[in-house]
Structure formats: C-alpha cells, structure tokens
Amino acid sequence: MKTASKTSNTRRKRSFVPAVERHRLSAPPRVRHREREARRWLDELGARMTNLAFWERRPEDYVSLKDKFRIHTAMWKKLERADPELCASARWLTWYESTSELDLTYKQWGDRACRRVERWRTIRKGMQRAGLI
C-alpha cells in the first residue's frame, strides 16, 4: 500500500553529535581553573595504580587488583576531604575523558591508551626515584 506522503519513505540525514554533547546532562560540575592540577592528580593516581612492565619491575612492586581498588578509593576520599574543588575538577575530567573516548575508533583509542601508559610509566619511575612509592 502506498501512502500519499512523499516524505515518509525518505531517509533522513542525521548530523553527527559528539558523545560529550549527547551525555552532557550527566556531567559533573566543571571547575576550569583547577583542570591542569586535576590532570596531574589523575596522572599520579594512574601511576600509583598501574604496574610497570614485567621486565621493568621487581616482584615486590606488583600491584594486585585488590590493592588497586584500595589505592583508588583511599586517594579519592583523601582528595575529597582535603580539596573539594580539585576533586570536582578531577571528576569532571574523568567524565570528559570517558565520554570523549566513545567516538574514537579502536585504533585511535589504542593510540591514546599507549600515550597515557607511557606518561604514567615516566611519572611512576620519577615517584620511585623520589621514594613516594
């Protein structure tokens, strides 16, 4: 059966809307003037929670999954008590990074993850030299 409408059967073109815009309503509040400091804090958190490659670490340097969860929870709670504004900025950055990765291809996502791991590796080595880990 044909309809009299000529527009009902045509396909509509959809414009691309970035994932950040699609998920904007779930975003935590943004604290712009603390973003650089929050990114450094998140990098330190990532460096503390990740393991070096097995050829770069001693056996006692291994961080188990249970230890990672404990470190993650303790550091977030400590930050929230010490500096709520920085915590809000770090939460926004975490949200932004996770939603911006939704639009990436697998290769782009892998490249970004490799750069992040390399950054965390250098931070972790510096923290080990300074005796912070």
N, C-alpha and C. Protein backbone atom coordinates (compact mmCIF):
# COMPACT_ATOMS: atom_id res chain seq x y z
N MET A 1 0.83 -1.17 0.00
CA MET A 1 0.00 0.00 0.00
C MET A 1 0.88 1.23 0.00
N LYS A 2 0.61 2.14 -0.88
CA LYS A 2 1.39 3.37 -0.98
C LYS A 2 0.70 4.47 -0.20
N THR A 3 1.54 5.32 0.35
CA THR A 3 0.98 6.48 1.05
C THR A 3 1.05 7.68 0.14
N ALA A 4 0.26 8.65 0.44
CA ALA A 4 0.24 9.86 -0.36
C ALA A 4 1.43 10.76 -0.02
N SER A 5 2.03 10.53 1.13
CA SER A 5 3.15 11.38 1.56
C SER A 5 4.42 10.97 0.85
N LYS A 6 5.12 11.94 0.32
CA LYS A 6 6.37 11.65 -0.36
C LYS A 6 7.56 11.73 0.59
N THR A 7 7.38 12.29 1.77
CA THR A 7 8.49 12.45 2.70
C THR A 7 8.59 11.32 3.71
N SER A 8 7.56 10.52 3.89
CA SER A 8 7.59 9.50 4.93
C SER A 8 8.54 8.36 4.60
N ASN A 9 8.80 8.10 3.33
CA ASN A 9 9.64 6.98 2.94
C ASN A 9 11.10 7.38 2.71
N THR A 10 11.41 8.64 2.74
CA THR A 10 12.79 9.05 2.50
C THR A 10 13.60 8.96 3.79
N ARG A 11 14.86 8.64 3.63
CA ARG A 11 15.75 8.56 4.78
C ARG A 11 16.22 9.95 5.16
N ARG A 12 16.22 10.19 6.45
CA ARG A 12 16.68 11.48 6.93
C ARG A 12 18.16 11.40 7.24
N LYS A 13 18.85 12.46 6.88
CA LYS A 13 20.27 12.53 7.21
C LYS A 13 20.41 12.95 8.66
N ARG A 14 21.24 12.24 9.39
CA ARG A 14 21.47 12.59 10.79
C ARG A 14 22.82 13.27 10.91
N SER A 15 22.83 14.35 11.62
CA SER A 15 24.09 15.03 11.81
C SER A 15 24.84 14.37 12.96
N PHE A 16 26.14 14.42 12.91
CA PHE A 16 26.98 13.80 13.93
C PHE A 16 26.99 14.68 15.17
N VAL A 17 26.65 14.10 16.30
CA VAL A 17 26.69 14.81 17.57
C VAL A 17 27.71 14.10 18.45
N PRO A 18 28.76 14.79 18.89
CA PRO A 18 29.78 14.14 19.70
C PRO A 18 29.19 13.55 20.98
N ALA A 19 29.82 12.50 21.48
CA ALA A 19 29.33 11.83 22.68
C ALA A 19 29.31 12.77 23.88
N VAL A 20 30.25 13.69 23.93
CA VAL A 20 30.29 14.64 25.05
C VAL A 20 29.00 15.45 25.09
N GLU A 21 28.50 15.84 23.92
CA GLU A 21 27.26 16.59 23.86
C GLU A 21 26.04 15.71 24.16
N ARG A 22 26.09 14.46 23.70
CA ARG A 22 24.96 13.56 23.96
C ARG A 22 24.81 13.25 25.44
N HIS A 23 25.92 13.21 26.18
CA HIS A 23 25.90 12.84 27.60
C HIS A 23 26.11 14.06 28.51
N ARG A 24 25.88 15.24 27.99
CA ARG A 24 26.14 16.47 28.72
C ARG A 24 25.34 16.57 30.02
N LEU A 25 24.14 16.05 30.05
CA LEU A 25 23.29 16.17 31.24
C LEU A 25 23.82 15.38 32.43
N SER A 26 24.63 14.35 32.16
CA SER A 26 25.17 13.55 33.26
C SER A 26 26.53 14.07 33.74
N ALA A 27 26.97 15.19 33.21
CA ALA A 27 28.29 15.71 33.55
C ALA A 27 28.32 16.32 34.95
N PRO A 28 29.40 16.06 35.69
CA PRO A 28 29.56 16.76 36.97
C PRO A 28 29.91 18.23 36.71
N PRO A 29 29.85 19.08 37.72
CA PRO A 29 30.19 20.49 37.50
C PRO A 29 31.64 20.67 37.09
N ARG A 30 31.89 21.65 36.23
CA ARG A 30 33.24 21.89 35.72
C ARG A 30 33.88 23.02 36.51
N VAL A 31 35.13 22.78 36.95
CA VAL A 31 35.92 23.79 37.65
C VAL A 31 37.14 24.06 36.76
N ARG A 32 37.02 25.06 35.89
CA ARG A 32 38.03 25.28 34.86
C ARG A 32 39.40 25.66 35.39
N HIS A 33 39.46 26.47 36.42
CA HIS A 33 40.76 26.98 36.86
C HIS A 33 41.59 25.95 37.61
N ARG A 34 41.06 24.74 37.82
CA ARG A 34 41.82 23.69 38.51
C ARG A 34 42.08 22.47 37.62
N GLU A 35 41.81 22.57 36.32
CA GLU A 35 41.91 21.41 35.44
C GLU A 35 43.34 20.90 35.28
N ARG A 36 44.31 21.78 35.16
CA ARG A 36 45.69 21.34 34.99
C ARG A 36 46.16 20.57 36.23
N GLU A 37 45.84 21.10 37.39
CA GLU A 37 46.20 20.44 38.64
C GLU A 37 45.45 19.11 38.78
N ALA A 38 44.20 19.08 38.37
CA ALA A 38 43.42 17.85 38.44
C ALA A 38 43.98 16.79 37.50
N ARG A 39 44.43 17.21 36.32
CA ARG A 39 45.04 16.25 35.38
C ARG A 39 46.31 15.66 35.95
N ARG A 40 47.12 16.48 36.62
CA ARG A 40 48.33 15.96 37.27
C ARG A 40 47.96 14.97 38.37
N TRP A 41 46.91 15.29 39.14
CA TRP A 41 46.49 14.39 40.21
C TRP A 41 46.00 13.05 39.63
N LEU A 42 45.23 13.11 38.55
CA LEU A 42 44.75 11.88 37.91
C LEU A 42 45.90 11.07 37.34
N ASP A 43 46.91 11.74 36.79
CA ASP A 43 48.08 11.03 36.29
C ASP A 43 48.83 10.34 37.44
N GLU A 44 48.93 11.02 38.57
CA GLU A 44 49.58 10.40 39.72
C GLU A 44 48.78 9.20 40.21
N LEU A 45 47.46 9.33 40.23
CA LEU A 45 46.61 8.21 40.63
C LEU A 45 46.81 7.03 39.68
N GLY A 46 46.82 7.30 38.38
CA GLY A 46 47.05 6.23 37.40
C GLY A 46 48.41 5.60 37.56
N ALA A 47 49.43 6.41 37.84
CA ALA A 47 50.78 5.87 38.02
C ALA A 47 50.87 4.99 39.26
N ARG A 48 50.18 5.37 40.31
CA ARG A 48 50.19 4.56 41.54
C ARG A 48 49.46 3.23 41.36
N MET A 49 48.43 3.23 40.52
CA MET A 49 47.60 2.04 40.38
C MET A 49 48.08 1.06 39.33
N THR A 50 48.92 1.48 38.42
CA THR A 50 49.33 0.58 37.34
C THR A 50 50.65 -0.11 37.67
N ASN A 51 50.85 -1.21 37.02
CA ASN A 51 52.10 -1.96 37.16
C ASN A 51 53.03 -1.59 36.01
N LEU A 52 54.30 -1.56 36.31
CA LEU A 52 55.27 -1.43 35.23
C LEU A 52 55.30 -2.73 34.45
N ALA A 53 55.90 -2.70 33.28
CA ALA A 53 56.05 -3.93 32.51
C ALA A 53 56.87 -4.92 33.34
N PHE A 54 56.65 -6.20 33.13
CA PHE A 54 57.27 -7.19 33.99
C PHE A 54 58.80 -7.16 33.94
N TRP A 55 59.39 -6.67 32.86
CA TRP A 55 60.85 -6.59 32.80
C TRP A 55 61.38 -5.32 33.48
N GLU A 56 60.50 -4.40 33.85
CA GLU A 56 60.93 -3.15 34.49
C GLU A 56 60.71 -3.14 36.00
N ARG A 57 60.10 -4.17 36.55
CA ARG A 57 59.77 -4.13 37.97
C ARG A 57 60.35 -5.31 38.72
N ARG A 58 60.48 -5.11 40.01
CA ARG A 58 60.84 -6.20 40.90
C ARG A 58 59.55 -6.90 41.32
N PRO A 59 59.61 -8.15 41.74
CA PRO A 59 58.38 -8.86 42.12
C PRO A 59 57.59 -8.17 43.23
N GLU A 60 58.27 -7.49 44.14
CA GLU A 60 57.55 -6.82 45.23
C GLU A 60 56.85 -5.54 44.78
N ASP A 61 57.11 -5.08 43.56
CA ASP A 61 56.48 -3.87 43.04
C ASP A 61 55.11 -4.14 42.41
N TYR A 62 54.71 -5.41 42.34
CA TYR A 62 53.44 -5.76 41.71
C TYR A 62 52.27 -5.22 42.53
N VAL A 63 51.30 -4.59 41.84
CA VAL A 63 50.10 -4.05 42.49
C VAL A 63 48.92 -4.94 42.09
N SER A 64 48.33 -5.63 43.07
CA SER A 64 47.21 -6.53 42.78
C SER A 64 45.95 -5.72 42.55
N LEU A 65 44.92 -6.39 42.05
CA LEU A 65 43.65 -5.74 41.79
C LEU A 65 43.03 -5.21 43.08
N LYS A 66 43.15 -5.98 44.14
CA LYS A 66 42.62 -5.55 45.44
C LYS A 66 43.35 -4.30 45.92
N ASP A 67 44.67 -4.26 45.74
CA ASP A 67 45.46 -3.08 46.13
C ASP A 67 45.09 -1.87 45.27
N LYS A 68 44.86 -2.10 43.98
CA LYS A 68 44.47 -1.00 43.10
C LYS A 68 43.16 -0.37 43.56
N PHE A 69 42.19 -1.21 43.91
CA PHE A 69 40.91 -0.70 44.39
C PHE A 69 41.08 0.08 45.69
N ARG A 70 41.91 -0.44 46.59
CA ARG A 70 42.16 0.21 47.87
C ARG A 70 42.83 1.57 47.67
N ILE A 71 43.83 1.62 46.80
CA ILE A 71 44.53 2.87 46.50
C ILE A 71 43.57 3.88 45.87
N HIS A 72 42.79 3.43 44.90
CA HIS A 72 41.86 4.30 44.20
C HIS A 72 40.85 4.92 45.17
N THR A 73 40.24 4.09 46.00
CA THR A 73 39.24 4.57 46.95
C THR A 73 39.86 5.52 47.97
N ALA A 74 41.00 5.15 48.51
CA ALA A 74 41.64 5.98 49.54
C ALA A 74 42.06 7.34 48.98
N MET A 75 42.62 7.36 47.78
CA MET A 75 43.07 8.63 47.21
C MET A 75 41.90 9.55 46.88
N TRP A 76 40.80 9.00 46.35
CA TRP A 76 39.63 9.83 46.06
C TRP A 76 39.03 10.39 47.34
N LYS A 77 38.93 9.56 48.39
CA LYS A 77 38.38 10.05 49.66
C LYS A 77 39.27 11.12 50.27
N LYS A 78 40.58 10.90 50.20
CA LYS A 78 41.53 11.88 50.74
C LYS A 78 41.41 13.21 49.98
N LEU A 79 41.31 13.14 48.66
CA LEU A 79 41.18 14.36 47.87
C LEU A 79 39.87 15.07 48.17
N GLU A 80 38.80 14.32 48.33
CA GLU A 80 37.51 14.94 48.60
C GLU A 80 37.50 15.67 49.95
N ARG A 81 38.18 15.10 50.93
CA ARG A 81 38.27 15.75 52.25
C ARG A 81 39.20 16.97 52.20
N ALA A 82 40.33 16.81 51.52
CA ALA A 82 41.35 17.86 51.53
C ALA A 82 41.00 19.04 50.62
N ASP A 83 40.46 18.76 49.43
CA ASP A 83 40.23 19.83 48.45
C ASP A 83 39.01 19.50 47.59
N PRO A 84 37.81 19.85 48.03
CA PRO A 84 36.60 19.51 47.27
C PRO A 84 36.56 20.12 45.87
N GLU A 85 37.14 21.29 45.69
CA GLU A 85 37.13 21.93 44.38
C GLU A 85 37.99 21.16 43.38
N LEU A 86 39.17 20.73 43.82
CA LEU A 86 40.05 19.93 42.97
C LEU A 86 39.39 18.57 42.68
N CYS A 87 38.70 18.02 43.65
CA CYS A 87 38.00 16.75 43.47
C CYS A 87 36.92 16.90 42.40
N ALA A 88 36.18 18.00 42.43
CA ALA A 88 35.14 18.24 41.42
C ALA A 88 35.76 18.37 40.03
N SER A 89 36.89 19.05 39.94
CA SER A 89 37.56 19.19 38.66
C SER A 89 38.07 17.84 38.15
N ALA A 90 38.60 17.02 39.05
CA ALA A 90 39.09 15.69 38.66
C ALA A 90 37.93 14.81 38.22
N ARG A 91 36.80 14.90 38.88
CA ARG A 91 35.62 14.12 38.48
C ARG A 91 35.13 14.55 37.10
N TRP A 92 35.16 15.87 36.82
CA TRP A 92 34.74 16.34 35.51
C TRP A 92 35.70 15.83 34.43
N LEU A 93 37.00 15.89 34.69
CA LEU A 93 37.97 15.40 33.71
C LEU A 93 37.80 13.91 33.45
N THR A 94 37.53 13.16 34.51
CA THR A 94 37.30 11.72 34.34
C THR A 94 36.07 11.49 33.47
N TRP A 95 35.00 12.24 33.73
CA TRP A 95 33.79 12.12 32.91
C TRP A 95 34.09 12.50 31.46
N TYR A 96 34.78 13.61 31.26
CA TYR A 96 35.05 14.10 29.91
C TYR A 96 35.89 13.10 29.12
N GLU A 97 36.94 12.57 29.74
CA GLU A 97 37.79 11.60 29.03
C GLU A 97 37.01 10.34 28.67
N SER A 98 36.18 9.87 29.59
CA SER A 98 35.45 8.64 29.30
C SER A 98 34.40 8.85 28.21
N THR A 99 33.73 10.00 28.19
CA THR A 99 32.73 10.22 27.15
C THR A 99 33.36 10.59 25.82
N SER A 100 34.50 11.27 25.83
CA SER A 100 35.13 11.61 24.56
C SER A 100 35.71 10.38 23.88
N GLU A 101 36.00 9.33 24.65
CA GLU A 101 36.53 8.10 24.05
C GLU A 101 35.44 7.28 23.36
N LEU A 102 34.18 7.60 23.57
CA LEU A 102 33.10 6.84 22.94
C LEU A 102 33.08 7.01 21.43
N ASP A 103 33.57 8.13 20.93
CA ASP A 103 33.54 8.40 19.49
C ASP A 103 34.81 7.96 18.77
N LEU A 104 35.77 7.41 19.48
CA LEU A 104 37.03 7.03 18.86
C LEU A 104 36.94 5.67 18.19
N THR A 105 37.74 5.50 17.15
CA THR A 105 37.87 4.16 16.57
C THR A 105 38.77 3.34 17.49
N TYR A 106 38.82 2.05 17.25
CA TYR A 106 39.64 1.17 18.08
C TYR A 106 41.11 1.57 18.01
N LYS A 107 41.58 1.92 16.83
CA LYS A 107 42.99 2.32 16.67
C LYS A 107 43.28 3.62 17.41
N GLN A 108 42.40 4.60 17.29
CA GLN A 108 42.59 5.87 18.00
C GLN A 108 42.57 5.65 19.50
N TRP A 109 41.66 4.82 19.97
CA TRP A 109 41.58 4.52 21.39
C TRP A 109 42.86 3.84 21.88
N GLY A 110 43.37 2.90 21.09
CA GLY A 110 44.61 2.21 21.46
C GLY A 110 45.80 3.15 21.49
N ASP A 111 45.87 4.06 20.51
CA ASP A 111 46.97 5.04 20.49
C ASP A 111 46.90 5.95 21.71
N ARG A 112 45.70 6.38 22.07
CA ARG A 112 45.54 7.24 23.24
C ARG A 112 45.94 6.49 24.52
N ALA A 113 45.53 5.23 24.61
CA ALA A 113 45.87 4.42 25.79
C ALA A 113 47.38 4.22 25.89
N CYS A 114 48.05 3.99 24.77
CA CYS A 114 49.52 3.81 24.78
C CYS A 114 50.21 5.09 25.25
N ARG A 115 49.75 6.24 24.78
CA ARG A 115 50.35 7.51 25.23
C ARG A 115 50.14 7.71 26.72
N ARG A 116 48.95 7.37 27.20
CA ARG A 116 48.64 7.52 28.63
C ARG A 116 49.53 6.60 29.47
N VAL A 117 49.70 5.36 29.03
CA VAL A 117 50.52 4.41 29.78
C VAL A 117 51.98 4.87 29.80
N GLU A 118 52.47 5.38 28.69
CA GLU A 118 53.85 5.89 28.67
C GLU A 118 54.01 7.06 29.63
N ARG A 119 53.03 7.94 29.67
CA ARG A 119 53.08 9.08 30.59
C ARG A 119 53.08 8.59 32.04
N TRP A 120 52.22 7.61 32.34
CA TRP A 120 52.17 7.06 33.69
C TRP A 120 53.46 6.35 34.04
N ARG A 121 54.08 5.70 33.07
CA ARG A 121 55.34 4.98 33.33
C ARG A 121 56.44 5.95 33.75
N THR A 122 56.54 7.08 33.05
CA THR A 122 57.58 8.05 33.43
C THR A 122 57.27 8.69 34.78
N ILE A 123 55.99 8.95 35.06
CA ILE A 123 55.62 9.51 36.36
C ILE A 123 55.94 8.51 37.47
N ARG A 124 55.61 7.25 37.24
CA ARG A 124 55.86 6.21 38.25
C ARG A 124 57.35 6.06 38.53
N LYS A 125 58.16 6.08 37.49
CA LYS A 125 59.61 5.98 37.70
C LYS A 125 60.13 7.17 38.50
N GLY A 126 59.62 8.36 38.21
CA GLY A 126 60.02 9.54 38.97
C GLY A 126 59.59 9.45 40.42
N MET A 127 58.40 8.92 40.66
CA MET A 127 57.92 8.75 42.03
C MET A 127 58.75 7.71 42.78
N GLN A 128 59.17 6.67 42.07
CA GLN A 128 60.02 5.66 42.71
C GLN A 128 61.39 6.23 43.07
N ARG A 129 61.93 7.05 42.17
CA ARG A 129 63.23 7.68 42.47
C ARG A 129 63.14 8.62 43.65
N ALA A 130 61.98 9.30 43.79
CA ALA A 130 61.78 10.24 44.89
C ALA A 130 61.37 9.54 46.18
N GLY A 131 61.09 8.25 46.10
CA GLY A 131 60.72 7.50 47.29
C GLY A 131 59.26 7.66 47.69
N LEU A 132 58.41 8.13 46.77
CA LEU A 132 56.99 8.31 47.07
C LEU A 132 56.18 7.03 46.95
N ILE A 133 56.75 6.05 46.27
CA ILE A 133 56.06 4.75 46.12
C ILE A 133 56.92 3.70 46.78
